[in-house]
Amino acid sequence: MVGYLLGDMLRYATASAVMLAVGLLIGFRPAGGVVGVIFVDPKTMPGWLQVFVNNSPVTHLTTAVRGLMAGEWPASAIAWSLGWAALLVLVLGPVTMRLYNRK
């Protein structure tokens, strides 16, 4: 299982690097430097997409990381991130182990 996870990490890292390289080749120039490439502020998205994004666990994690990198302590975003992580582990952990043990 660890091999599969490491393989996925390599595949996604490669895909991200290719997307970034293509973006740079076609003229994308991030105004925020390296940090500007990693995160997009949900306020810049269309309204219908903001509804989905504002309720996503990834958004809470991104907000927490962005705040911590800025020297702040975003307690609410950190709590939401930890809560989502615990919920996902509690729900998907037993399902994954059950499916894994069947094989």
PDB file of N, CA and C in Angstrom:
ATOM      1  N   MET A   1       0.820  -1.187   0.000  1.00  0.00           N
ATOM      2  CA  MET A   1       0.000   0.000   0.000  1.00  0.00           C
ATOM      3  C   MET A   1       0.869   1.257   0.000  1.00  0.00           C
ATOM      4  N   VAL A   2       1.982   1.207   0.701  1.00  0.00           N
ATOM      5  CA  VAL A   2       2.875   2.363   0.750  1.00  0.00           C
ATOM      6  C   VAL A   2       3.435   2.657  -0.635  1.00  0.00           C
ATOM      7  N   GLY A   3       3.734   1.596  -1.388  1.00  0.00           N
ATOM      8  CA  GLY A   3       4.230   1.775  -2.748  1.00  0.00           C
ATOM      9  C   GLY A   3       3.235   2.495  -3.629  1.00  0.00           C
ATOM     10  N   TYR A   4       1.958   2.133  -3.498  1.00  0.00           N
ATOM     11  CA  TYR A   4       0.912   2.809  -4.267  1.00  0.00           C
ATOM     12  C   TYR A   4       0.836   4.288  -3.913  1.00  0.00           C
ATOM     13  N   LEU A   5       0.920   4.586  -2.617  1.00  0.00           N
ATOM     14  CA  LEU A   5       0.841   5.977  -2.175  1.00  0.00           C
ATOM     15  C   LEU A   5       2.038   6.785  -2.681  1.00  0.00           C
ATOM     16  N   LEU A   6       3.219   6.199  -2.601  1.00  0.00           N
ATOM     17  CA  LEU A   6       4.404   6.910  -3.098  1.00  0.00           C
ATOM     18  C   LEU A   6       4.334   7.100  -4.613  1.00  0.00           C
ATOM     19  N   GLY A   7       3.830   6.106  -5.312  1.00  0.00           N
ATOM     20  CA  GLY A   7       3.664   6.235  -6.750  1.00  0.00           C
ATOM     21  C   GLY A   7       2.687   7.337  -7.114  1.00  0.00           C
ATOM     22  N   ASP A   8       1.574   7.422  -6.370  1.00  0.00           N
ATOM     23  CA  ASP A   8       0.602   8.494  -6.603  1.00  0.00           C
ATOM     24  C   ASP A   8       1.213   9.859  -6.330  1.00  0.00           C
ATOM     25  N   MET A   9       1.999   9.960  -5.249  1.00  0.00           N
ATOM     26  CA  MET A   9       2.636  11.238  -4.937  1.00  0.00           C
ATOM     27  C   MET A   9       3.557  11.673  -6.073  1.00  0.00           C
ATOM     28  N   LEU A  10       4.332  10.737  -6.603  1.00  0.00           N
ATOM     29  CA  LEU A  10       5.233  11.049  -7.710  1.00  0.00           C
ATOM     30  C   LEU A  10       4.448  11.464  -8.945  1.00  0.00           C
ATOM     31  N   ARG A  11       3.376  10.745  -9.240  1.00  0.00           N
ATOM     32  CA  ARG A  11       2.563  11.057 -10.416  1.00  0.00           C
ATOM     33  C   ARG A  11       1.935  12.439 -10.302  1.00  0.00           C
ATOM     34  N   TYR A  12       1.380  12.773  -9.142  1.00  0.00           N
ATOM     35  CA  TYR A  12       0.741  14.079  -8.964  1.00  0.00           C
ATOM     36  C   TYR A  12       1.761  15.212  -8.943  1.00  0.00           C
ATOM     37  N   ALA A  13       2.929  14.960  -8.368  1.00  0.00           N
ATOM     38  CA  ALA A  13       3.981  15.984  -8.377  1.00  0.00           C
ATOM     39  C   ALA A  13       4.449  16.251  -9.807  1.00  0.00           C
ATOM     40  N   THR A  14       4.583  15.183 -10.588  1.00  0.00           N
ATOM     41  CA  THR A  14       4.977  15.343 -11.990  1.00  0.00           C
ATOM     42  C   THR A  14       3.917  16.094 -12.779  1.00  0.00           C
ATOM     43  N   ALA A  15       2.658  15.726 -12.569  1.00  0.00           N
ATOM     44  CA  ALA A  15       1.561  16.414 -13.270  1.00  0.00           C
ATOM     45  C   ALA A  15       1.516  17.889 -12.892  1.00  0.00           C
ATOM     46  N   SER A  16       1.725  18.211 -11.626  1.00  0.00           N
ATOM     47  CA  SER A  16       1.733  19.612 -11.190  1.00  0.00           C
ATOM     48  C   SER A  16       2.881  20.379 -11.825  1.00  0.00           C
ATOM     49  N   ALA A  17       4.043  19.767 -11.876  1.00  0.00           N
ATOM     50  CA  ALA A  17       5.203  20.422 -12.489  1.00  0.00           C
ATOM     51  C   ALA A  17       4.970  20.674 -13.978  1.00  0.00           C
ATOM     52  N   VAL A  18       4.366  19.706 -14.661  1.00  0.00           N
ATOM     53  CA  VAL A  18       4.079  19.884 -16.086  1.00  0.00           C
ATOM     54  C   VAL A  18       3.077  21.016 -16.295  1.00  0.00           C
ATOM     55  N   MET A  19       2.014  21.059 -15.480  1.00  0.00           N
ATOM     56  CA  MET A  19       1.019  22.134 -15.617  1.00  0.00           C
ATOM     57  C   MET A  19       1.632  23.502 -15.361  1.00  0.00           C
ATOM     58  N   LEU A  20       2.482  23.601 -14.350  1.00  0.00           N
ATOM     59  CA  LEU A  20       3.135  24.868 -14.050  1.00  0.00           C
ATOM     60  C   LEU A  20       4.078  25.271 -15.181  1.00  0.00           C
ATOM     61  N   ALA A  21       4.832  24.312 -15.705  1.00  0.00           N
ATOM     62  CA  ALA A  21       5.761  24.611 -16.800  1.00  0.00           C
ATOM     63  C   ALA A  21       5.017  25.079 -18.052  1.00  0.00           C
ATOM     64  N   VAL A  22       3.921  24.418 -18.381  1.00  0.00           N
ATOM     65  CA  VAL A  22       3.129  24.825 -19.547  1.00  0.00           C
ATOM     66  C   VAL A  22       2.558  26.223 -19.328  1.00  0.00           C
ATOM     67  N   GLY A  23       2.066  26.482 -18.127  1.00  0.00           N
ATOM     68  CA  GLY A  23       1.554  27.815 -17.822  1.00  0.00           C
ATOM     69  C   GLY A  23       2.606  28.890 -17.994  1.00  0.00           C
ATOM     70  N   LEU A  24       3.809  28.615 -17.508  1.00  0.00           N
ATOM     71  CA  LEU A  24       4.901  29.579 -17.664  1.00  0.00           C
ATOM     72  C   LEU A  24       5.288  29.751 -19.129  1.00  0.00           C
ATOM     73  N   LEU A  25       5.260  28.653 -19.890  1.00  0.00           N
ATOM     74  CA  LEU A  25       5.594  28.734 -21.320  1.00  0.00           C
ATOM     75  C   LEU A  25       4.597  29.565 -22.112  1.00  0.00           C
ATOM     76  N   ILE A  26       3.321  29.518 -21.728  1.00  0.00           N
ATOM     77  CA  ILE A  26       2.317  30.265 -22.487  1.00  0.00           C
ATOM     78  C   ILE A  26       2.092  31.669 -21.937  1.00  0.00           C
ATOM     79  N   GLY A  27       2.892  32.069 -20.941  1.00  0.00           N
ATOM     80  CA  GLY A  27       2.854  33.452 -20.517  1.00  0.00           C
ATOM     81  C   GLY A  27       2.353  33.738 -19.117  1.00  0.00           C
ATOM     82  N   PHE A  28       2.035  32.733 -18.325  1.00  0.00           N
ATOM     83  CA  PHE A  28       1.589  32.971 -16.954  1.00  0.00           C
ATOM     84  C   PHE A  28       2.753  33.477 -16.123  1.00  0.00           C
ATOM     85  N   ARG A  29       2.561  34.622 -15.503  1.00  0.00           N
ATOM     86  CA  ARG A  29       3.578  35.189 -14.632  1.00  0.00           C
ATOM     87  C   ARG A  29       2.929  35.516 -13.294  1.00  0.00           C
ATOM     88  N   PRO A  30       3.178  34.694 -12.257  1.00  0.00           N
ATOM     89  CA  PRO A  30       2.543  34.913 -10.959  1.00  0.00           C
ATOM     90  C   PRO A  30       3.046  36.187 -10.290  1.00  0.00           C
ATOM     91  N   ALA A  31       2.107  37.059  -9.953  1.00  0.00           N
ATOM     92  CA  ALA A  31       2.474  38.318  -9.305  1.00  0.00           C
ATOM     93  C   ALA A  31       2.931  38.106  -7.869  1.00  0.00           C
ATOM     94  N   GLY A  32       2.476  37.034  -7.245  1.00  0.00           N
ATOM     95  CA  GLY A  32       2.811  36.781  -5.846  1.00  0.00           C
ATOM     96  C   GLY A  32       4.047  35.940  -5.651  1.00  0.00           C
ATOM     97  N   GLY A  33       4.822  35.703  -6.677  1.00  0.00           N
ATOM     98  CA  GLY A  33       6.019  34.874  -6.558  1.00  0.00           C
ATOM     99  C   GLY A  33       5.652  33.410  -6.367  1.00  0.00           C
ATOM    100  N   VAL A  34       6.509  32.678  -5.687  1.00  0.00           N
ATOM    101  CA  VAL A  34       6.279  31.247  -5.487  1.00  0.00           C
ATOM    102  C   VAL A  34       5.005  31.001  -4.686  1.00  0.00           C
ATOM    103  N   VAL A  35       4.762  31.777  -3.646  1.00  0.00           N
ATOM    104  CA  VAL A  35       3.563  31.603  -2.829  1.00  0.00           C
ATOM    105  C   VAL A  35       2.308  31.932  -3.638  1.00  0.00           C
ATOM    106  N   GLY A  36       2.424  32.862  -4.571  1.00  0.00           N
ATOM    107  CA  GLY A  36       1.285  33.220  -5.405  1.00  0.00           C
ATOM    108  C   GLY A  36       0.841  32.108  -6.326  1.00  0.00           C
ATOM    109  N   VAL A  37       1.730  31.165  -6.634  1.00  0.00           N
ATOM    110  CA  VAL A  37       1.387  30.039  -7.499  1.00  0.00           C
ATOM    111  C   VAL A  37       0.605  28.995  -6.698  1.00  0.00           C
ATOM    112  N   ILE A  38       0.881  28.869  -5.425  1.00  0.00           N
ATOM    113  CA  ILE A  38       0.325  27.727  -4.673  1.00  0.00           C
ATOM    114  C   ILE A  38      -1.140  27.920  -4.351  1.00  0.00           C
ATOM    115  N   PHE A  39      -1.594  29.119  -3.916  1.00  0.00           N
ATOM    116  CA  PHE A  39      -2.946  29.314  -3.401  1.00  0.00           C
ATOM    117  C   PHE A  39      -3.699  30.363  -4.203  1.00  0.00           C
ATOM    118  N   VAL A  40      -4.997  30.156  -4.382  1.00  0.00           N
ATOM    119  CA  VAL A  40      -5.881  31.115  -5.033  1.00  0.00           C
ATOM    120  C   VAL A  40      -6.906  31.565  -4.002  1.00  0.00           C
ATOM    121  N   ASP A  41      -7.106  32.868  -3.874  1.00  0.00           N
ATOM    122  CA  ASP A  41      -8.075  33.405  -2.929  1.00  0.00           C
ATOM    123  C   ASP A  41      -9.483  33.153  -3.452  1.00  0.00           C
ATOM    124  N   PRO A  42     -10.351  32.491  -2.673  1.00  0.00           N
ATOM    125  CA  PRO A  42     -11.719  32.202  -3.138  1.00  0.00           C
ATOM    126  C   PRO A  42     -12.517  33.449  -3.510  1.00  0.00           C
ATOM    127  N   LYS A  43     -12.156  34.601  -2.967  1.00  0.00           N
ATOM    128  CA  LYS A  43     -12.894  35.831  -3.284  1.00  0.00           C
ATOM    129  C   LYS A  43     -12.750  36.231  -4.749  1.00  0.00           C
ATOM    130  N   THR A  44     -11.732  35.693  -5.431  1.00  0.00           N
ATOM    131  CA  THR A  44     -11.522  36.022  -6.840  1.00  0.00           C
ATOM    132  C   THR A  44     -12.295  35.096  -7.785  1.00  0.00           C
ATOM    133  N   MET A  45     -13.021  34.123  -7.227  1.00  0.00           N
ATOM    134  CA  MET A  45     -13.744  33.139  -8.038  1.00  0.00           C
ATOM    135  C   MET A  45     -15.188  33.571  -8.267  1.00  0.00           C
ATOM    136  N   PRO A  46     -15.852  33.009  -9.293  1.00  0.00           N
ATOM    137  CA  PRO A  46     -17.275  33.302  -9.506  1.00  0.00           C
ATOM    138  C   PRO A  46     -18.108  32.845  -8.309  1.00  0.00           C
ATOM    139  N   GLY A  47     -19.268  33.463  -8.116  1.00  0.00           N
ATOM    140  CA  GLY A  47     -20.116  33.189  -6.959  1.00  0.00           C
ATOM    141  C   GLY A  47     -20.514  31.734  -6.804  1.00  0.00           C
ATOM    142  N   TRP A  48     -20.897  31.082  -7.924  1.00  0.00           N
ATOM    143  CA  TRP A  48     -21.324  29.687  -7.835  1.00  0.00           C
ATOM    144  C   TRP A  48     -20.183  28.779  -7.389  1.00  0.00           C
ATOM    145  N   LEU A  49     -18.951  29.127  -7.752  1.00  0.00           N
ATOM    146  CA  LEU A  49     -17.811  28.321  -7.357  1.00  0.00           C
ATOM    147  C   LEU A  49     -17.412  28.603  -5.909  1.00  0.00           C
ATOM    148  N   GLN A  50     -17.651  29.821  -5.446  1.00  0.00           N
ATOM    149  CA  GLN A  50     -17.333  30.173  -4.064  1.00  0.00           C
ATOM    150  C   GLN A  50     -18.124  29.332  -3.073  1.00  0.00           C
ATOM    151  N   VAL A  51     -19.375  29.005  -3.417  1.00  0.00           N
ATOM    152  CA  VAL A  51     -20.204  28.184  -2.520  1.00  0.00           C
ATOM    153  C   VAL A  51     -19.541  26.834  -2.285  1.00  0.00           C
ATOM    154  N   PHE A  52     -19.076  26.212  -3.361  1.00  0.00           N
ATOM    155  CA  PHE A  52     -18.398  24.916  -3.239  1.00  0.00           C
ATOM    156  C   PHE A  52     -17.060  25.062  -2.526  1.00  0.00           C
ATOM    157  N   VAL A  53     -16.284  26.032  -2.939  1.00  0.00           N
ATOM    158  CA  VAL A  53     -14.928  26.206  -2.413  1.00  0.00           C
ATOM    159  C   VAL A  53     -14.942  26.568  -0.932  1.00  0.00           C
ATOM    160  N   ASN A  54     -15.868  27.411  -0.506  1.00  0.00           N
ATOM    161  CA  ASN A  54     -15.902  27.833   0.896  1.00  0.00           C
ATOM    162  C   ASN A  54     -16.290  26.714   1.851  1.00  0.00           C
ATOM    163  N   ASN A  55     -16.847  25.621   1.326  1.00  0.00           N
ATOM    164  CA  ASN A  55     -17.222  24.488   2.169  1.00  0.00           C
ATOM    165  C   ASN A  55     -16.317  23.280   1.940  1.00  0.00           C
ATOM    166  N   SER A  56     -15.187  23.492   1.322  1.00  0.00           N
ATOM    167  CA  SER A  56     -14.257  22.413   1.018  1.00  0.00           C
ATOM    168  C   SER A  56     -13.198  22.297   2.115  1.00  0.00           C
ATOM    169  N   PRO A  57     -12.831  21.069   2.487  1.00  0.00           N
ATOM    170  CA  PRO A  57     -11.764  20.922   3.492  1.00  0.00           C
ATOM    171  C   PRO A  57     -10.431  21.480   3.012  1.00  0.00           C
ATOM    172  N   VAL A  58     -10.204  21.453   1.704  1.00  0.00           N
ATOM    173  CA  VAL A  58      -8.951  21.978   1.167  1.00  0.00           C
ATOM    174  C   VAL A  58      -8.872  23.487   1.374  1.00  0.00           C
ATOM    175  N   THR A  59     -10.010  24.180   1.248  1.00  0.00           N
ATOM    176  CA  THR A  59     -10.033  25.624   1.456  1.00  0.00           C
ATOM    177  C   THR A  59      -9.678  25.980   2.894  1.00  0.00           C
ATOM    178  N   HIS A  60     -10.215  25.235   3.846  1.00  0.00           N
ATOM    179  CA  HIS A  60      -9.901  25.514   5.252  1.00  0.00           C
ATOM    180  C   HIS A  60      -8.415  25.273   5.529  1.00  0.00           C
ATOM    181  N   LEU A  61      -7.874  24.211   4.950  1.00  0.00           N
ATOM    182  CA  LEU A  61      -6.447  23.936   5.120  1.00  0.00           C
ATOM    183  C   LEU A  61      -5.605  25.033   4.478  1.00  0.00           C
ATOM    184  N   THR A  62      -5.991  25.470   3.288  1.00  0.00           N
ATOM    185  CA  THR A  62      -5.261  26.526   2.595  1.00  0.00           C
ATOM    186  C   THR A  62      -5.308  27.829   3.375  1.00  0.00           C
ATOM    187  N   THR A  63      -6.471  28.164   3.910  1.00  0.00           N
ATOM    188  CA  THR A  63      -6.615  29.376   4.715  1.00  0.00           C
ATOM    189  C   THR A  63      -5.734  29.302   5.965  1.00  0.00           C
ATOM    190  N   ALA A  64      -5.691  28.129   6.577  1.00  0.00           N
ATOM    191  CA  ALA A  64      -4.852  27.960   7.765  1.00  0.00           C
ATOM    192  C   ALA A  64      -3.374  28.128   7.418  1.00  0.00           C
ATOM    193  N   VAL A  65      -2.939  27.506   6.324  1.00  0.00           N
ATOM    194  CA  VAL A  65      -1.536  27.607   5.920  1.00  0.00           C
ATOM    195  C   VAL A  65      -1.196  29.039   5.526  1.00  0.00           C
ATOM    196  N   ARG A  66      -2.092  29.681   4.769  1.00  0.00           N
ATOM    197  CA  ARG A  66      -1.856  31.064   4.358  1.00  0.00           C
ATOM    198  C   ARG A  66      -1.722  31.967   5.589  1.00  0.00           C
ATOM    199  N   GLY A  67      -2.589  31.793   6.574  1.00  0.00           N
ATOM    200  CA  GLY A  67      -2.515  32.599   7.790  1.00  0.00           C
ATOM    201  C   GLY A  67      -1.246  32.340   8.578  1.00  0.00           C
ATOM    202  N   LEU A  68      -0.883  31.061   8.720  1.00  0.00           N
ATOM    203  CA  LEU A  68       0.332  30.735   9.464  1.00  0.00           C
ATOM    204  C   LEU A  68       1.573  31.282   8.765  1.00  0.00           C
ATOM    205  N   MET A  69       1.577  31.256   7.422  1.00  0.00           N
ATOM    206  CA  MET A  69       2.723  31.797   6.687  1.00  0.00           C
ATOM    207  C   MET A  69       2.802  33.311   6.813  1.00  0.00           C
ATOM    208  N   ALA A  70       1.678  33.949   7.080  1.00  0.00           N
ATOM    209  CA  ALA A  70       1.657  35.402   7.244  1.00  0.00           C
ATOM    210  C   ALA A  70       1.929  35.813   8.694  1.00  0.00           C
ATOM    211  N   GLY A  71       2.193  34.845   9.570  1.00  0.00           N
ATOM    212  CA  GLY A  71       2.493  35.148  10.957  1.00  0.00           C
ATOM    213  C   GLY A  71       1.263  35.309  11.832  1.00  0.00           C
ATOM    214  N   GLU A  72       0.127  34.891  11.323  1.00  0.00           N
ATOM    215  CA  GLU A  72      -1.122  34.983  12.097  1.00  0.00           C
ATOM    216  C   GLU A  72      -1.418  33.633  12.732  1.00  0.00           C
ATOM    217  N   TRP A  73      -2.479  33.592  13.549  1.00  0.00           N
ATOM    218  CA  TRP A  73      -2.937  32.347  14.148  1.00  0.00           C
ATOM    219  C   TRP A  73      -4.421  32.181  13.805  1.00  0.00           C
ATOM    220  N   PRO A  74      -4.730  31.587  12.620  1.00  0.00           N
ATOM    221  CA  PRO A  74      -6.120  31.423  12.186  1.00  0.00           C
ATOM    222  C   PRO A  74      -6.780  30.231  12.881  1.00  0.00           C
ATOM    223  N   ALA A  75      -7.168  30.415  14.132  1.00  0.00           N
ATOM    224  CA  ALA A  75      -7.681  29.313  14.951  1.00  0.00           C
ATOM    225  C   ALA A  75      -8.896  28.630  14.319  1.00  0.00           C
ATOM    226  N   SER A  76      -9.791  29.410  13.747  1.00  0.00           N
ATOM    227  CA  SER A  76     -10.983  28.830  13.141  1.00  0.00           C
ATOM    228  C   SER A  76     -10.628  27.921  11.971  1.00  0.00           C
ATOM    229  N   ALA A  77      -9.751  28.375  11.092  1.00  0.00           N
ATOM    230  CA  ALA A  77      -9.350  27.567   9.938  1.00  0.00           C
ATOM    231  C   ALA A  77      -8.592  26.312  10.381  1.00  0.00           C
ATOM    232  N   ILE A  78      -7.773  26.439  11.399  1.00  0.00           N
ATOM    233  CA  ILE A  78      -7.043  25.274  11.914  1.00  0.00           C
ATOM    234  C   ILE A  78      -8.017  24.264  12.509  1.00  0.00           C
ATOM    235  N   ALA A  79      -8.991  24.747  13.266  1.00  0.00           N
ATOM    236  CA  ALA A  79      -9.992  23.853  13.862  1.00  0.00           C
ATOM    237  C   ALA A  79     -10.810  23.141  12.778  1.00  0.00           C
ATOM    238  N   TRP A  80     -11.234  23.889  11.751  1.00  0.00           N
ATOM    239  CA  TRP A  80     -11.976  23.267  10.650  1.00  0.00           C
ATOM    240  C   TRP A  80     -11.124  22.214   9.947  1.00  0.00           C
ATOM    241  N   SER A  81      -9.857  22.510   9.717  1.00  0.00           N
ATOM    242  CA  SER A  81      -8.961  21.557   9.040  1.00  0.00           C
ATOM    243  C   SER A  81      -8.808  20.273   9.846  1.00  0.00           C
ATOM    244  N   LEU A  82      -8.570  20.425  11.137  1.00  0.00           N
ATOM    245  CA  LEU A  82      -8.422  19.246  11.990  1.00  0.00           C
ATOM    246  C   LEU A  82      -9.735  18.472  12.101  1.00  0.00           C
ATOM    247  N   GLY A  83     -10.844  19.197  12.153  1.00  0.00           N
ATOM    248  CA  GLY A  83     -12.157  18.539  12.205  1.00  0.00           C
ATOM    249  C   GLY A  83     -12.452  17.740  10.948  1.00  0.00           C
ATOM    250  N   TRP A  84     -12.182  18.350   9.770  1.00  0.00           N
ATOM    251  CA  TRP A  84     -12.379  17.637   8.511  1.00  0.00           C
ATOM    252  C   TRP A  84     -11.478  16.407   8.442  1.00  0.00           C
ATOM    253  N   ALA A  85     -10.232  16.547   8.856  1.00  0.00           N
ATOM    254  CA  ALA A  85      -9.302  15.420   8.815  1.00  0.00           C
ATOM    255  C   ALA A  85      -9.787  14.282   9.711  1.00  0.00           C
ATOM    256  N   ALA A  86     -10.227  14.620  10.917  1.00  0.00           N
ATOM    257  CA  ALA A  86     -10.733  13.589  11.830  1.00  0.00           C
ATOM    258  C   ALA A  86     -11.980  12.912  11.262  1.00  0.00           C
ATOM    259  N   LEU A  87     -12.883  13.701  10.699  1.00  0.00           N
ATOM    260  CA  LEU A  87     -14.102  13.135  10.119  1.00  0.00           C
ATOM    261  C   LEU A  87     -13.778  12.192   8.957  1.00  0.00           C
ATOM    262  N   LEU A  88     -12.883  12.615   8.083  1.00  0.00           N
ATOM    263  CA  LEU A  88     -12.513  11.768   6.950  1.00  0.00           C
ATOM    264  C   LEU A  88     -11.840  10.474   7.401  1.00  0.00           C
ATOM    265  N   VAL A  89     -10.993  10.553   8.418  1.00  0.00           N
ATOM    266  CA  VAL A  89     -10.345   9.341   8.924  1.00  0.00           C
ATOM    267  C   VAL A  89     -11.365   8.432   9.588  1.00  0.00           C
ATOM    268  N   LEU A  90     -12.280   9.011  10.371  1.00  0.00           N
ATOM    269  CA  LEU A  90     -13.295   8.195  11.049  1.00  0.00           C
ATOM    270  C   LEU A  90     -14.247   7.512  10.077  1.00  0.00           C
ATOM    271  N   VAL A  91     -14.584   8.186   8.990  1.00  0.00           N
ATOM    272  CA  VAL A  91     -15.528   7.614   8.030  1.00  0.00           C
ATOM    273  C   VAL A  91     -14.820   6.703   7.028  1.00  0.00           C
ATOM    274  N   LEU A  92     -13.739   7.181   6.442  1.00  0.00           N
ATOM    275  CA  LEU A  92     -13.105   6.437   5.361  1.00  0.00           C
ATOM    276  C   LEU A  92     -12.076   5.415   5.838  1.00  0.00           C
ATOM    277  N   GLY A  93     -11.544   5.587   7.028  1.00  0.00           N
ATOM    278  CA  GLY A  93     -10.564   4.633   7.553  1.00  0.00           C
ATOM    279  C   GLY A  93     -11.124   3.222   7.673  1.00  0.00           C
ATOM    280  N   PRO A  94     -12.246   3.035   8.374  1.00  0.00           N
ATOM    281  CA  PRO A  94     -12.812   1.683   8.479  1.00  0.00           C
ATOM    282  C   PRO A  94     -13.231   1.089   7.131  1.00  0.00           C
ATOM    283  N   VAL A  95     -13.749   1.923   6.249  1.00  0.00           N
ATOM    284  CA  VAL A  95     -14.136   1.433   4.921  1.00  0.00           C
ATOM    285  C   VAL A  95     -12.910   0.944   4.165  1.00  0.00           C
ATOM    286  N   THR A  96     -11.842   1.722   4.211  1.00  0.00           N
ATOM    287  CA  THR A  96     -10.616   1.338   3.528  1.00  0.00           C
ATOM    288  C   THR A  96     -10.045   0.046   4.096  1.00  0.00           C
ATOM    289  N   MET A  97      -9.995  -0.066   5.408  1.00  0.00           N
ATOM    290  CA  MET A  97      -9.443  -1.285   6.017  1.00  0.00           C
ATOM    291  C   MET A  97     -10.318  -2.494   5.716  1.00  0.00           C
ATOM    292  N   ARG A  98     -11.612  -2.321   5.697  1.00  0.00           N
ATOM    293  CA  ARG A  98     -12.504  -3.442   5.361  1.00  0.00           C
ATOM    294  C   ARG A  98     -12.261  -3.919   3.937  1.00  0.00           C
ATOM    295  N   LEU A  99     -12.174  -2.969   3.010  1.00  0.00           N
ATOM    296  CA  LEU A  99     -11.918  -3.335   1.614  1.00  0.00           C
ATOM    297  C   LEU A  99     -10.534  -3.948   1.453  1.00  0.00           C
ATOM    298  N   TYR A 100      -9.553  -3.437   2.173  1.00  0.00           N
ATOM    299  CA  TYR A 100      -8.189  -3.947   2.075  1.00  0.00           C
ATOM    300  C   TYR A 100      -8.108  -5.370   2.631  1.00  0.00           C
ATOM    301  N   ASN A 101      -8.799  -5.631   3.737  1.00  0.00           N
ATOM    302  CA  ASN A 101      -8.752  -6.949   4.364  1.00  0.00           C
ATOM    303  C   ASN A 101      -9.511  -8.004   3.568  1.00  0.00           C
ATOM    304  N   ARG A 102     -10.434  -7.588   2.704  1.00  0.00           N
ATOM    305  CA  ARG A 102     -11.157  -8.548   1.865  1.00  0.00           C
ATOM    306  C   ARG A 102     -10.221  -9.237   0.869  1.00  0.00           C
ATOM    307  N   LYS A 103      -9.250  -8.510   0.405  1.00  0.00           N
ATOM    308  CA  LYS A 103      -8.327  -9.060  -0.597  1.00  0.00           C
ATOM    309  C   LYS A 103      -7.303  -9.847   0.101  1.00  0.00           C
TER     310      LYS A 103
END
